[in-house]
Amino acid sequence: MQAAPAPAACGCETPSEQTSREACLCNMSLAMSYVLMQGWAQTYEPAVALSRGTIFPELDLPFLAAGRIC
């Protein structure tokens, strides 16, 4: 016979009408990211890189704020 797991502090082990076990988020990760390795290629000159915010031309993308290019 297996021992029952200790109840979670958030109450996930005791689901109610308002909170079902499937809807409880206490045991889920906050976020996960996937970041590709940046290859070393052509770079901007230091003055240009400082004004653009990156040394890599391939990362120099337009900033879209509310659908407008800034």
Protein backbone atom coordinates (compact mmCIF):
# COMPACT_ATOMS: atom_id res chain seq x y z
CA MET A 1 0.00 0.00 0.00
CA GLN A 2 1.40 3.39 -1.02
CA ALA A 3 1.40 6.35 1.33
CA ALA A 4 -0.80 9.25 0.28
CA PRO A 5 1.12 12.37 -0.85
CA ALA A 6 1.21 15.31 1.50
CA PRO A 7 -1.45 17.92 0.66
CA ALA A 8 -0.23 20.97 -1.25
CA ALA A 9 -0.26 24.30 0.55
CA CYS A 10 -2.53 25.79 -2.12
CA GLY A 11 -5.30 23.26 -1.50
CA CYS A 12 -4.88 21.37 -4.79
CA GLU A 13 -5.19 18.03 -2.99
CA THR A 14 -8.69 18.97 -1.80
CA PRO A 15 -10.58 20.12 -4.91
CA SER A 16 -13.81 22.01 -4.38
CA GLU A 17 -16.66 23.00 -6.66
CA GLN A 18 -14.78 26.17 -7.66
CA THR A 19 -11.36 24.56 -8.11
CA SER A 20 -10.96 21.22 -9.83
CA ARG A 21 -7.72 19.25 -9.72
CA GLU A 22 -7.22 19.84 -13.49
CA ALA A 23 -7.61 23.60 -13.12
CA CYS A 24 -5.19 23.97 -10.20
CA LEU A 25 -1.95 25.67 -11.25
CA CYS A 26 0.10 25.27 -8.08
CA ASN A 27 2.25 22.43 -9.44
CA MET A 28 2.84 23.91 -12.90
CA SER A 29 5.95 25.72 -14.10
CA LEU A 30 5.70 29.49 -14.39
CA ALA A 31 7.32 29.55 -17.84
CA MET A 32 9.57 27.65 -20.20
CA SER A 33 11.77 29.10 -22.88
CA TYR A 34 13.61 27.78 -25.89
CA VAL A 35 16.54 29.88 -27.03
CA LEU A 36 18.62 28.99 -30.06
CA MET A 37 22.37 29.37 -29.93
CA GLN A 38 23.39 32.63 -31.62
CA GLY A 39 25.92 31.98 -34.34
CA TRP A 40 28.83 34.40 -34.59
CA ALA A 41 28.53 36.10 -37.97
CA GLN A 42 28.85 39.64 -39.26
CA THR A 43 28.63 42.30 -36.54
CA TYR A 44 27.95 46.02 -36.47
CA GLU A 45 30.66 48.53 -35.69
CA PRO A 46 30.53 49.53 -31.97
CA ALA A 47 28.86 52.94 -32.55
CA VAL A 48 26.17 51.41 -34.80
CA ALA A 49 25.64 48.49 -32.40
CA LEU A 50 25.11 50.88 -29.50
CA SER A 51 22.47 52.87 -31.39
CA ARG A 52 20.70 49.70 -32.65
CA GLY A 53 20.80 47.79 -29.35
CA THR A 54 22.51 44.71 -30.82
CA ILE A 55 25.79 43.81 -32.44
CA PHE A 56 24.12 41.26 -34.74
CA PRO A 57 22.40 42.60 -37.88
CA GLU A 58 20.16 39.51 -38.05
CA LEU A 59 18.69 40.44 -34.64
CA ASP A 60 18.05 44.05 -35.68
CA LEU A 61 14.29 43.81 -36.20
CA PRO A 62 11.64 46.54 -36.21
CA PHE A 63 9.76 47.09 -32.95
CA LEU A 64 6.01 46.81 -33.49
CA ALA A 65 4.01 48.68 -30.87
CA ALA A 66 0.23 48.38 -31.27
CA GLY A 67 0.70 47.40 -34.91
CA ARG A 68 2.87 50.42 -35.79
CA ILE A 69 6.58 50.34 -36.59
CA CYS A 70 8.57 52.46 -34.14
